[in-house]
N, C-alpha and C. Protein backbone atom coordinates (compact mmCIF):
# COMPACT_ATOMS: atom_id res chain seq x y z
N MET A 1 20.51 -5.67 -7.77
CA MET A 1 20.45 -6.38 -6.53
C MET A 1 20.56 -7.77 -6.94
N SER A 2 21.20 -8.54 -5.87
CA SER A 2 21.01 -10.08 -5.65
C SER A 2 20.76 -10.58 -4.50
N GLY A 3 20.94 -11.95 -4.09
CA GLY A 3 20.57 -12.50 -3.06
C GLY A 3 21.49 -11.98 -2.00
N GLU A 4 22.81 -11.69 -2.41
CA GLU A 4 23.87 -11.31 -1.39
C GLU A 4 24.22 -10.03 -1.55
N GLY A 5 23.90 -9.15 -2.49
CA GLY A 5 24.57 -7.91 -2.81
C GLY A 5 23.79 -7.01 -3.50
N VAL A 6 24.29 -5.77 -3.42
CA VAL A 6 23.49 -4.82 -4.27
C VAL A 6 24.68 -3.80 -4.96
N TYR A 7 24.21 -3.34 -5.95
CA TYR A 7 25.15 -2.20 -6.65
C TYR A 7 24.79 -0.67 -6.45
N LEU A 8 25.26 0.10 -5.61
CA LEU A 8 24.81 1.53 -5.35
C LEU A 8 25.31 2.29 -6.36
N ARG A 9 24.58 3.31 -6.92
CA ARG A 9 25.21 4.46 -7.89
C ARG A 9 24.97 5.74 -7.17
N GLY A 10 25.96 6.47 -7.17
CA GLY A 10 25.44 8.01 -6.59
C GLY A 10 26.70 8.96 -6.60
N ASN A 11 26.65 10.03 -6.06
CA ASN A 11 27.53 11.12 -6.11
C ASN A 11 28.58 10.90 -4.94
N ALA A 12 27.99 10.12 -3.85
CA ALA A 12 29.21 9.85 -2.76
C ALA A 12 30.27 9.00 -2.95
N ALA A 13 31.46 9.20 -2.84
CA ALA A 13 32.39 8.32 -3.08
C ALA A 13 32.49 7.47 -1.77
N LEU A 14 32.43 6.01 -2.03
CA LEU A 14 32.52 4.94 -0.93
C LEU A 14 33.73 4.21 -1.11
N ASP A 15 34.44 3.96 -0.16
CA ASP A 15 35.68 3.48 -0.19
C ASP A 15 35.46 2.01 0.25
N VAL A 16 36.30 1.04 -0.52
CA VAL A 16 36.30 -0.36 -0.19
C VAL A 16 36.50 -0.55 1.34
N GLY A 17 35.61 -1.44 1.97
CA GLY A 17 35.63 -1.68 3.10
C GLY A 17 34.63 -0.65 3.97
N SER A 18 34.10 0.22 3.63
CA SER A 18 33.29 1.01 4.12
C SER A 18 31.90 0.28 4.62
N ASN A 19 31.37 0.67 5.87
CA ASN A 19 30.11 0.05 6.13
C ASN A 19 29.14 0.90 5.51
N VAL A 20 28.11 0.12 5.06
CA VAL A 20 26.73 1.19 4.46
C VAL A 20 25.54 0.52 4.86
N ARG A 21 24.52 1.41 5.15
CA ARG A 21 23.26 1.00 5.59
C ARG A 21 22.11 1.60 4.57
N PHE A 22 21.25 0.88 4.27
CA PHE A 22 20.23 1.25 3.03
C PHE A 22 18.97 0.52 3.50
N GLU A 23 18.05 1.04 2.78
CA GLU A 23 16.75 0.26 2.83
C GLU A 23 15.93 0.47 1.53
N MET A 24 15.36 -0.71 1.11
CA MET A 24 14.36 -0.91 -0.06
C MET A 24 13.12 -0.90 0.22
N ALA A 25 12.27 -0.12 -0.51
CA ALA A 25 10.83 -0.49 -0.23
C ALA A 25 10.30 -1.23 -1.53
N LEU A 26 9.83 -2.51 -1.21
CA LEU A 26 9.39 -3.26 -2.37
C LEU A 26 7.78 -3.10 -2.33
N PRO A 27 7.18 -2.94 -3.46
CA PRO A 27 5.90 -2.62 -3.71
C PRO A 27 5.02 -4.18 -3.52
N PRO A 28 3.64 -4.02 -3.00
CA PRO A 28 2.97 -5.17 -3.17
C PRO A 28 2.66 -6.20 -4.17
N GLU A 29 2.78 -5.40 -5.41
CA GLU A 29 2.88 -6.16 -6.89
C GLU A 29 4.12 -6.93 -7.01
N LEU A 30 5.32 -6.66 -6.35
CA LEU A 30 6.27 -7.49 -6.46
C LEU A 30 6.38 -8.86 -5.36
N THR A 31 5.83 -8.34 -4.13
CA THR A 31 6.04 -9.29 -3.18
C THR A 31 4.65 -10.14 -2.93
N GLY A 32 3.74 -9.72 -3.42
CA GLY A 32 2.28 -10.43 -3.03
C GLY A 32 1.82 -10.21 -1.54
N ALA A 33 2.58 -9.00 -0.75
CA ALA A 33 2.00 -8.86 0.45
C ALA A 33 0.84 -7.77 0.31
N ALA A 34 0.18 -7.50 1.15
CA ALA A 34 -0.95 -6.55 1.42
C ALA A 34 -0.47 -5.15 1.20
N GLU A 35 0.61 -5.02 1.88
CA GLU A 35 1.35 -3.61 2.07
C GLU A 35 2.66 -3.67 1.60
N LYS A 36 3.21 -2.73 1.28
CA LYS A 36 4.75 -2.49 0.89
C LYS A 36 5.60 -3.12 1.99
N VAL A 37 6.71 -3.89 1.56
CA VAL A 37 7.51 -4.33 2.33
C VAL A 37 8.85 -3.65 2.45
N ILE A 38 9.48 -3.47 3.68
CA ILE A 38 10.68 -2.62 3.67
C ILE A 38 11.72 -3.58 4.04
N VAL A 39 12.81 -3.56 3.47
CA VAL A 39 13.82 -4.31 3.75
C VAL A 39 15.14 -3.39 4.16
N GLU A 40 15.45 -3.52 5.34
CA GLU A 40 16.55 -2.55 5.91
C GLU A 40 17.97 -3.29 6.21
N CYS A 41 18.84 -2.99 5.40
CA CYS A 41 20.05 -3.72 5.17
C CYS A 41 21.28 -3.08 5.62
N SER A 42 22.39 -3.98 6.18
CA SER A 42 23.66 -3.31 6.52
C SER A 42 24.48 -4.16 5.81
N GLY A 43 25.67 -3.61 5.38
CA GLY A 43 26.68 -4.24 4.45
C GLY A 43 28.05 -3.54 4.51
N ARG A 44 28.83 -3.84 3.55
CA ARG A 44 29.97 -3.20 3.22
C ARG A 44 30.35 -3.11 1.74
N VAL A 45 31.09 -2.03 1.43
CA VAL A 45 31.66 -2.12 0.13
C VAL A 45 32.92 -2.97 -0.15
N VAL A 46 32.64 -3.81 -1.42
CA VAL A 46 33.69 -4.72 -1.72
C VAL A 46 34.28 -4.37 -3.08
N ARG A 47 33.72 -3.54 -3.74
CA ARG A 47 34.17 -2.97 -5.02
C ARG A 47 33.82 -1.57 -5.10
N LYS A 48 34.57 -0.70 -5.95
CA LYS A 48 34.01 0.38 -6.31
C LYS A 48 34.56 1.01 -7.69
N ASP A 49 33.75 1.55 -8.42
CA ASP A 49 33.96 1.90 -9.91
C ASP A 49 33.88 3.70 -9.91
N THR A 50 34.80 4.36 -10.95
CA THR A 50 34.68 5.58 -10.95
C THR A 50 33.49 5.90 -11.73
N GLY A 51 32.86 4.97 -12.48
CA GLY A 51 31.52 5.42 -13.20
C GLY A 51 31.83 6.12 -14.65
N ALA A 52 32.98 6.03 -15.00
CA ALA A 52 33.40 6.90 -16.17
C ALA A 52 32.52 6.28 -17.31
N ASP A 53 32.35 5.05 -17.38
CA ASP A 53 31.46 4.17 -18.55
C ASP A 53 30.00 4.43 -18.38
N ALA A 54 29.53 4.78 -17.10
CA ALA A 54 27.96 4.72 -16.80
C ALA A 54 27.40 5.96 -16.14
N GLY A 55 28.32 7.05 -16.26
CA GLY A 55 27.96 8.43 -15.81
C GLY A 55 28.02 8.66 -14.41
N GLY A 56 28.83 7.95 -13.63
CA GLY A 56 28.75 8.36 -12.34
C GLY A 56 29.40 7.09 -11.18
N PRO A 57 30.11 7.54 -10.29
CA PRO A 57 30.71 6.51 -9.47
C PRO A 57 29.62 5.42 -8.92
N GLY A 58 29.98 4.33 -8.45
CA GLY A 58 29.20 3.32 -7.99
C GLY A 58 29.95 2.32 -7.01
N ALA A 59 29.28 1.60 -6.43
CA ALA A 59 29.92 0.64 -5.33
C ALA A 59 29.22 -0.56 -5.18
N ALA A 60 29.83 -1.91 -5.49
CA ALA A 60 29.29 -2.99 -5.14
C ALA A 60 29.32 -3.30 -3.60
N CYS A 61 28.14 -3.76 -3.00
CA CYS A 61 28.17 -4.04 -1.77
C CYS A 61 27.71 -5.39 -1.27
N VAL A 62 28.33 -6.00 -0.33
CA VAL A 62 27.70 -7.20 -0.06
C VAL A 62 26.76 -6.72 1.24
N ILE A 63 25.57 -7.75 1.37
CA ILE A 63 24.77 -7.43 2.26
C ILE A 63 25.06 -8.48 3.63
N ASP A 64 25.33 -7.90 4.71
CA ASP A 64 25.86 -8.75 5.76
C ASP A 64 24.41 -9.09 6.75
N THR A 65 23.57 -8.15 6.91
CA THR A 65 22.28 -8.49 7.74
C THR A 65 21.07 -7.67 7.24
N TYR A 66 20.03 -7.96 7.37
CA TYR A 66 18.89 -7.26 6.84
C TYR A 66 17.69 -7.81 7.72
N ASP A 67 16.75 -6.74 7.89
CA ASP A 67 15.52 -6.83 8.70
C ASP A 67 14.28 -6.53 7.65
N ILE A 68 13.12 -7.31 7.79
CA ILE A 68 12.23 -7.04 7.15
C ILE A 68 11.04 -6.59 7.87
N ARG A 69 10.28 -5.51 7.43
CA ARG A 69 8.95 -5.09 8.18
C ARG A 69 8.02 -4.90 6.89
N ILE A 70 6.84 -4.94 7.31
CA ILE A 70 5.64 -4.28 6.53
C ILE A 70 5.02 -3.28 6.93
N ASP A 71 4.96 -2.37 6.16
CA ASP A 71 4.52 -0.91 6.47
C ASP A 71 2.96 -0.98 6.12
């Protein structure tokens, strides 16, 4: 994960240019908030790997938009 993107690893094959939506739950220990922070992201796949070296397919995604909420 970086400020502009994320690398997703999983069983689903994602094609370059595909839209993705995902969320991350960040614990209070990481954010300093009283509750966990949820970051809802939308983006697109910019690179994909077969994952032969790392044990499975993966995709590099740019984050186009995000919303933050506190649970």
